[in-house]
Amino acid sequence: MRPSKKQLRAVLQTKLEEVRLLMNEALSGDRLRLSTIEPVLARIGRGKKLPHWFAQLKADRTLPNLDGKTIGSVVEMLLVAVLETSTFATLKSPPLRINPARGVDLPDLDLGVKSPSENYCTSEPFFSAYERLYGSEHDVLVLLTDYQERKRTPPLRLQITRAQYLKKTQIADEGLCRLARKHRDFLLADDQTRLKKVFRFLAYVNQSDWRARWLLRLLDNARNESRVITLAAEAATDFVKQNQNRDRNDRDPILDSELQALRKVVDVKPVLVGVIEAADAWVIEGLREMGRAPSENEWNRLLASPLDGKIGMSFALQWRYNFGRLFGASERDDIDD
């Protein structure tokens, strides 16, 4: 009996470090490893031929000078070859395919594969802003490479330095999920309309925007009135400081209306309502009809999700996944913990 996709993913998770080491053997040009995986690479190669980089890897133990996108393809092909010849070798698993056009890199496992380098970032297709909170449609294997460093000193000798397996709900923004969890149960019992406004703000927020950053801090402390009042005062001080810096650097100032929008928060009682309405106003003013409320399906997913995101996600025409926090690197768009 063939194992299910879920069972195969479970095997991969338990043998993740072994998979990484075997892939590195191949990337190091180990003759035995390359001979073992060569038939699989030929099968999944374009036109059923070995990929163009294989001959150099086998002969010189190096890769050609490849761009980042091609490196991702190399990693995916080597992963499939190692899984078939080693990790799943004793299982009655079907041959694996690489087919990102189906919406997932390895459709036979329902598994995505990401191979960021030391900048920790990849760009991903954008479907719904609410993915930022409830996550992806499938699990993802993250294989961190040393491509950025290695490409500076050719010939290219690539290695996979770290590996992490993420459940589909974990492919979401860690800091924003924390705020969503913080308010979900309380607002669900108190006022679902305001909860939808919180979800909408967190889904669409631009963390490089000055007012939005302060709104995130206010939202983080929205049930503590004295703390919100203190933060509103700190925002006024920061407003002056930021505009002084902008003036020195010949940049456009932050408008007075941005500060006034924050100051209005403390005039509303309870202050939680003031913070939520200010956050909602930011979405409406900046995005208008683009900042839509969650659909029924999205709403149900937001309520059911563990909101356990593990990465950073920036909102743009495409998602910018940042895996830095996953591997212990700092990010500039973090929300205060």
Protein backbone atom coordinates (compact mmCIF):
# COMPACT_ATOMS: atom_id res chain seq x y z
CA MET A 1 0.00 0.00 0.00
CA ARG A 2 1.36 3.40 -0.97
CA PRO A 3 2.01 5.82 1.85
CA SER A 4 -0.10 8.98 1.84
CA LYS A 5 1.33 12.42 1.17
CA LYS A 6 0.96 13.21 4.86
CA GLN A 7 2.91 10.08 5.81
CA LEU A 8 5.70 10.92 3.36
CA ARG A 9 5.94 14.46 4.74
CA ALA A 10 6.18 13.02 8.25
CA VAL A 11 9.10 10.81 7.16
CA LEU A 12 10.83 13.82 5.66
CA GLN A 13 10.45 15.77 8.89
CA THR A 14 12.06 13.02 10.95
CA LYS A 15 14.95 12.69 8.48
CA LEU A 16 15.43 16.34 7.66
CA GLU A 17 19.05 16.62 8.75
CA GLU A 18 19.92 13.42 6.90
CA VAL A 19 18.37 14.86 3.75
CA ARG A 20 20.40 18.06 4.11
CA LEU A 21 23.67 16.12 4.49
CA LEU A 22 22.93 13.89 1.49
CA MET A 23 22.13 16.92 -0.64
CA ASN A 24 25.42 18.49 0.44
CA GLU A 25 27.25 15.34 -0.58
CA ALA A 26 25.79 15.76 -4.05
CA LEU A 27 26.60 19.49 -4.11
CA SER A 28 30.18 18.64 -3.13
CA GLY A 29 30.48 16.42 -6.20
CA ASP A 30 30.62 13.12 -4.30
CA ARG A 31 30.89 10.55 -7.12
CA LEU A 32 28.91 7.79 -5.40
CA ARG A 33 26.08 10.14 -4.44
CA LEU A 34 25.92 11.64 -7.93
CA SER A 35 25.87 8.20 -9.55
CA THR A 36 23.01 7.19 -7.26
CA ILE A 37 20.84 10.20 -8.07
CA GLU A 38 21.78 10.57 -11.77
CA PRO A 39 18.87 8.47 -13.14
CA VAL A 40 16.34 10.55 -11.18
CA LEU A 41 17.86 13.82 -12.38
CA ALA A 42 17.67 12.57 -15.96
CA ARG A 43 14.00 11.62 -15.51
CA ILE A 44 12.92 14.98 -14.08
CA GLY A 45 15.24 17.06 -16.27
CA ARG A 46 13.89 19.10 -19.17
CA GLY A 47 13.36 16.82 -22.14
CA LYS A 48 14.24 13.83 -19.93
CA LYS A 49 17.88 14.90 -20.05
CA LEU A 50 20.38 15.59 -17.29
CA PRO A 51 20.37 19.26 -16.27
CA HIS A 52 23.02 21.45 -17.88
CA TRP A 53 24.90 21.96 -14.59
CA PHE A 54 25.31 18.26 -13.81
CA ALA A 55 28.33 17.54 -16.01
CA GLN A 56 30.44 20.27 -14.36
CA LEU A 57 29.33 19.20 -10.88
CA LYS A 58 30.38 15.63 -11.60
CA ALA A 59 33.66 16.52 -13.31
CA ASP A 60 34.89 19.49 -11.24
CA ARG A 61 32.79 19.29 -8.05
CA THR A 62 31.55 22.81 -8.70
CA LEU A 63 28.49 24.45 -10.23
CA PRO A 64 28.51 26.89 -13.14
CA ASN A 65 27.97 30.57 -12.41
CA LEU A 66 24.20 30.40 -11.85
CA ASP A 67 21.67 33.04 -10.88
CA GLY A 68 19.53 32.79 -7.77
CA LYS A 69 16.45 31.46 -9.59
CA THR A 70 18.45 28.65 -11.20
CA ILE A 71 19.96 27.80 -7.82
CA GLY A 72 16.42 27.23 -6.57
CA SER A 73 15.85 24.77 -9.41
CA VAL A 74 19.11 22.95 -8.59
CA VAL A 75 18.07 22.60 -4.96
CA GLU A 76 14.61 21.28 -5.87
CA MET A 77 16.00 18.69 -8.29
CA LEU A 78 18.60 17.45 -5.83
CA LEU A 79 15.97 17.25 -3.11
CA VAL A 80 13.70 15.08 -5.26
CA ALA A 81 16.62 12.84 -6.22
CA VAL A 82 17.72 12.35 -2.60
CA LEU A 83 14.16 11.69 -1.41
CA GLU A 84 13.58 9.05 -4.07
CA THR A 85 16.94 7.26 -3.77
CA SER A 86 17.42 7.47 0.00
CA THR A 87 14.75 8.94 2.25
CA PHE A 88 11.77 7.19 0.62
CA ALA A 89 13.75 4.34 -0.95
CA THR A 90 12.20 1.59 1.17
CA LEU A 91 8.67 2.98 0.83
CA LYS A 92 6.27 2.30 -2.00
CA SER A 93 6.16 5.98 -2.88
CA PRO A 94 5.41 7.19 -6.40
CA PRO A 95 8.04 8.99 -8.50
CA LEU A 96 8.13 12.63 -7.52
CA ARG A 97 7.55 15.56 -9.83
CA ILE A 98 8.58 19.20 -9.72
CA ASN A 99 5.68 21.28 -10.93
CA PRO A 100 5.35 24.77 -9.43
CA ALA A 101 2.78 25.59 -12.13
CA ARG A 102 0.32 23.49 -10.10
CA GLY A 103 0.69 25.95 -7.22
CA VAL A 104 3.04 23.76 -5.19
CA ASP A 105 6.63 22.78 -5.98
CA LEU A 106 6.28 19.06 -5.16
CA PRO A 107 2.64 18.16 -5.90
CA ASP A 108 3.14 14.50 -4.98
CA LEU A 109 3.90 15.62 -1.43
CA ASP A 110 1.77 18.78 -1.34
CA LEU A 111 4.99 20.51 -0.32
CA GLY A 112 6.60 23.81 -1.23
CA VAL A 113 10.37 24.23 -1.33
CA LYS A 114 12.10 27.54 -0.59
CA SER A 115 15.85 28.05 -0.87
CA PRO A 116 16.76 31.51 0.45
CA SER A 117 20.36 32.55 0.91
CA GLU A 118 21.92 34.74 3.60
CA ASN A 119 19.49 37.57 2.85
CA TYR A 120 16.80 35.12 4.03
CA CYS A 121 14.23 36.40 1.52
CA THR A 122 12.19 34.95 -1.33
CA SER A 123 9.37 36.46 -3.41
CA GLU A 124 6.11 34.55 -3.60
CA PRO A 125 2.85 34.92 -5.56
CA PHE A 126 0.22 37.03 -3.83
CA PHE A 127 -3.36 35.75 -3.59
CA SER A 128 -4.93 37.14 -0.42
CA ALA A 129 -3.60 39.62 2.13
CA TYR A 130 -5.07 37.42 4.85
CA GLU A 131 -2.49 34.73 4.08
CA ARG A 132 -0.25 36.94 6.17
CA LEU A 133 -2.21 35.69 9.19
CA TYR A 134 -3.64 32.25 8.39
CA GLY A 135 -0.76 31.01 6.25
CA SER A 136 -0.26 29.01 3.08
CA GLU A 137 -2.19 26.23 1.35
CA HIS A 138 0.60 23.73 1.96
CA ASP A 139 3.62 22.96 4.13
CA VAL A 140 7.02 24.32 3.13
CA LEU A 141 10.56 22.99 3.40
CA VAL A 142 13.05 25.84 3.82
CA LEU A 143 16.62 25.03 2.72
CA LEU A 144 19.00 27.86 3.56
CA THR A 145 21.96 28.07 1.17
CA ASP A 146 25.26 29.97 1.27
CA TYR A 147 24.80 31.20 -2.29
CA GLN A 148 25.31 34.92 -1.56
CA GLU A 149 28.71 34.25 -0.01
CA ARG A 150 29.88 31.53 -2.37
CA LYS A 151 29.06 33.39 -5.58
CA ARG A 152 31.67 36.04 -4.69
CA THR A 153 34.52 33.52 -4.96
CA PRO A 154 33.97 31.34 -8.05
CA PRO A 155 33.90 28.54 -8.94
CA LEU A 156 30.60 28.04 -7.17
CA ARG A 157 30.67 25.48 -4.36
CA LEU A 158 27.18 25.59 -2.90
CA GLN A 159 26.06 24.10 0.40
CA ILE A 160 22.80 23.96 2.34
CA THR A 161 23.64 25.33 5.77
CA ARG A 162 20.30 24.95 7.59
CA ALA A 163 16.96 23.27 7.04
CA GLN A 164 13.55 23.90 8.60
CA TYR A 165 10.16 22.35 8.01
CA LEU A 166 7.14 24.66 8.38
CA LYS A 167 3.50 23.69 8.63
CA LYS A 168 1.21 25.64 6.32
CA THR A 169 -0.13 27.88 9.10
CA GLN A 170 3.45 28.77 10.05
CA ILE A 171 4.01 30.42 6.65
CA ALA A 172 2.59 33.62 8.15
CA ASP A 173 3.95 36.73 9.82
CA GLU A 174 5.08 35.92 13.34
CA GLY A 175 4.66 39.38 14.86
CA LEU A 176 1.29 40.08 13.24
CA CYS A 177 -0.03 36.65 14.23
CA ARG A 178 0.97 37.37 17.82
CA LEU A 179 -1.17 40.49 17.81
CA ALA A 180 -4.06 38.66 16.15
CA ARG A 181 -3.93 35.94 18.82
CA LYS A 182 -3.77 38.55 21.54
CA HIS A 183 -7.10 40.11 20.53
CA ARG A 184 -9.01 37.31 18.80
CA ASP A 185 -10.78 35.55 21.65
CA PHE A 186 -11.56 38.74 23.55
CA LEU A 187 -13.01 40.58 20.56
CA LEU A 188 -14.78 37.49 19.22
CA ALA A 189 -16.85 37.42 22.40
CA ASP A 190 -17.20 41.20 22.61
CA ASP A 191 -17.52 42.59 19.06
CA GLN A 192 -16.88 40.59 15.89
CA THR A 193 -17.05 43.70 13.71
CA ARG A 194 -14.09 45.20 15.53
CA LEU A 195 -12.23 41.89 15.31
CA LYS A 196 -12.66 41.97 11.52
CA LYS A 197 -11.20 45.49 11.53
CA VAL A 198 -8.19 44.26 13.52
CA PHE A 199 -7.65 41.36 11.11
CA ARG A 200 -7.96 43.71 8.13
CA PHE A 201 -5.41 46.15 9.54
CA LEU A 202 -2.92 43.38 10.36
CA ALA A 203 -3.35 41.83 6.91
CA TYR A 204 -2.73 45.07 5.01
CA VAL A 205 -0.43 47.04 7.33
CA ASN A 206 2.74 48.52 5.82
CA GLN A 207 5.30 48.31 8.60
CA SER A 208 7.56 50.87 6.93
CA ASP A 209 4.85 53.53 7.31
CA TRP A 210 5.40 55.79 10.34
CA ARG A 211 1.79 55.99 11.50
CA ALA A 212 1.23 52.27 10.88
CA ARG A 213 4.23 51.32 13.05
CA TRP A 214 2.86 53.37 15.93
CA LEU A 215 -0.61 51.93 15.44
CA LEU A 216 0.87 48.46 15.76
CA ARG A 217 2.41 49.43 19.10
CA LEU A 218 -0.85 50.96 20.25
CA LEU A 219 -2.77 47.86 19.19
CA ASP A 220 -0.30 45.71 21.09
CA ASN A 221 -1.19 47.65 24.26
CA ALA A 222 -4.78 48.57 23.44
CA ARG A 223 -6.26 47.05 26.59
CA ASN A 224 -3.92 49.08 28.82
CA GLU A 225 -5.18 52.66 28.76
CA SER A 226 -2.27 54.22 30.66
CA ARG A 227 0.24 52.53 28.34
CA VAL A 228 -1.63 53.79 25.26
CA ILE A 229 -1.56 57.34 26.61
CA THR A 230 2.19 57.03 27.22
CA LEU A 231 2.79 55.66 23.74
CA ALA A 232 0.76 58.45 22.14
CA ALA A 233 3.04 60.96 23.90
CA GLU A 234 6.12 59.05 22.73
CA ALA A 235 4.77 59.12 19.19
CA ALA A 236 4.57 62.92 19.34
CA THR A 237 8.20 63.09 20.43
CA ASP A 238 9.23 60.65 17.70
CA PHE A 239 7.28 62.70 15.14
CA VAL A 240 9.49 65.73 15.83
CA LYS A 241 12.65 63.62 15.77
CA GLN A 242 11.78 61.87 12.51
CA ASN A 243 10.95 65.12 10.75
CA GLN A 244 14.21 66.71 11.92
CA ASN A 245 16.07 63.75 10.40
CA ARG A 246 14.05 64.00 7.21
CA ASP A 247 14.79 67.72 6.95
CA ARG A 248 18.54 67.08 7.30
CA ASN A 249 18.36 64.42 4.60
CA ASP A 250 16.19 66.53 2.28
CA ARG A 251 13.25 64.15 2.49
CA ASP A 252 9.55 64.93 2.59
CA PRO A 253 8.27 65.40 6.16
CA ILE A 254 5.68 63.22 7.86
CA LEU A 255 2.43 65.17 7.62
CA ASP A 256 0.88 66.70 10.72
CA SER A 257 -2.30 64.77 9.95
CA GLU A 258 -0.44 61.52 10.66
CA LEU A 259 0.30 62.62 14.22
CA GLN A 260 -3.21 64.01 14.69
CA ALA A 261 -4.67 60.63 13.75
CA LEU A 262 -2.73 59.05 16.62
CA ARG A 263 -3.59 61.77 19.11
CA LYS A 264 -7.32 61.18 18.55
CA VAL A 265 -6.96 57.66 19.93
CA VAL A 266 -6.80 58.77 23.56
CA ASP A 267 -9.99 60.83 23.22
CA VAL A 268 -12.11 57.72 22.68
CA LYS A 269 -13.35 55.61 25.59
CA PRO A 270 -12.69 52.79 25.97
CA VAL A 271 -9.28 53.41 24.45
CA LEU A 272 -9.34 49.95 22.81
CA VAL A 273 -12.11 51.21 20.53
CA GLY A 274 -10.09 54.33 19.71
CA VAL A 275 -7.07 52.24 18.69
CA ILE A 276 -9.12 49.88 16.52
CA GLU A 277 -10.95 52.73 14.78
CA ALA A 278 -7.63 54.53 14.15
CA ALA A 279 -6.16 51.35 12.67
CA ASP A 280 -9.21 50.90 10.47
CA ALA A 281 -8.98 54.52 9.33
CA TRP A 282 -5.40 53.91 8.22
CA VAL A 283 -6.57 51.09 5.93
CA ILE A 284 -9.49 53.06 4.52
CA GLU A 285 -7.46 56.23 3.87
CA GLY A 286 -4.49 54.47 2.34
CA LEU A 287 -6.01 51.55 0.46
CA ARG A 288 -9.68 52.42 -0.04
CA GLU A 289 -11.44 49.54 -1.84
CA MET A 290 -8.16 47.59 -2.09
CA GLY A 291 -8.23 47.02 1.67
CA ARG A 292 -11.26 44.76 1.70
CA ALA A 293 -12.73 42.96 4.70
CA PRO A 294 -12.17 39.18 4.93
CA SER A 295 -14.48 36.98 2.89
CA GLU A 296 -16.54 34.34 4.66
CA ASN A 297 -13.95 31.69 3.86
CA GLU A 298 -11.09 33.91 5.03
CA TRP A 299 -12.99 34.83 8.19
CA ASN A 300 -13.56 31.17 9.06
CA ARG A 301 -9.90 30.38 8.44
CA LEU A 302 -8.81 33.28 10.65
CA LEU A 303 -11.00 31.97 13.46
CA ALA A 304 -9.78 28.38 13.08
CA SER A 305 -6.09 29.13 12.54
CA PRO A 306 -3.61 28.68 15.40
CA LEU A 307 -2.11 31.99 14.19
CA ASP A 308 1.35 30.48 14.69
CA GLY A 309 3.30 32.26 11.95
CA LYS A 310 7.06 31.83 12.05
CA ILE A 311 8.37 34.18 9.35
CA GLY A 312 8.19 37.81 8.25
CA MET A 313 5.88 38.76 5.38
CA SER A 314 5.86 42.13 3.62
CA PHE A 315 2.85 43.23 1.60
CA ALA A 316 3.50 44.11 -2.07
CA LEU A 317 2.52 42.95 -5.54
CA GLN A 318 4.17 39.73 -4.44
CA TRP A 319 4.77 38.49 -0.93
CA ARG A 320 8.28 38.99 0.36
CA TYR A 321 8.93 36.06 2.68
CA ASN A 322 11.68 36.76 5.19
CA PHE A 323 12.98 33.62 6.92
CA GLY A 324 15.50 35.54 9.04
CA ARG A 325 13.72 35.04 12.35
CA LEU A 326 13.42 31.32 11.58
CA PHE A 327 17.22 31.09 11.56
CA GLY A 328 17.89 33.56 14.37
CA ALA A 329 18.64 36.67 12.30
CA SER A 330 17.11 40.03 13.17
CA GLU A 331 14.67 41.86 10.91
CA ARG A 332 13.97 45.55 10.65
CA ASP A 333 10.19 45.22 10.47
CA ASP A 334 9.65 43.34 13.72
CA ILE A 335 6.90 44.42 16.08
CA ASP A 336 8.05 45.09 19.63
CA ASP A 337 7.70 41.99 21.79
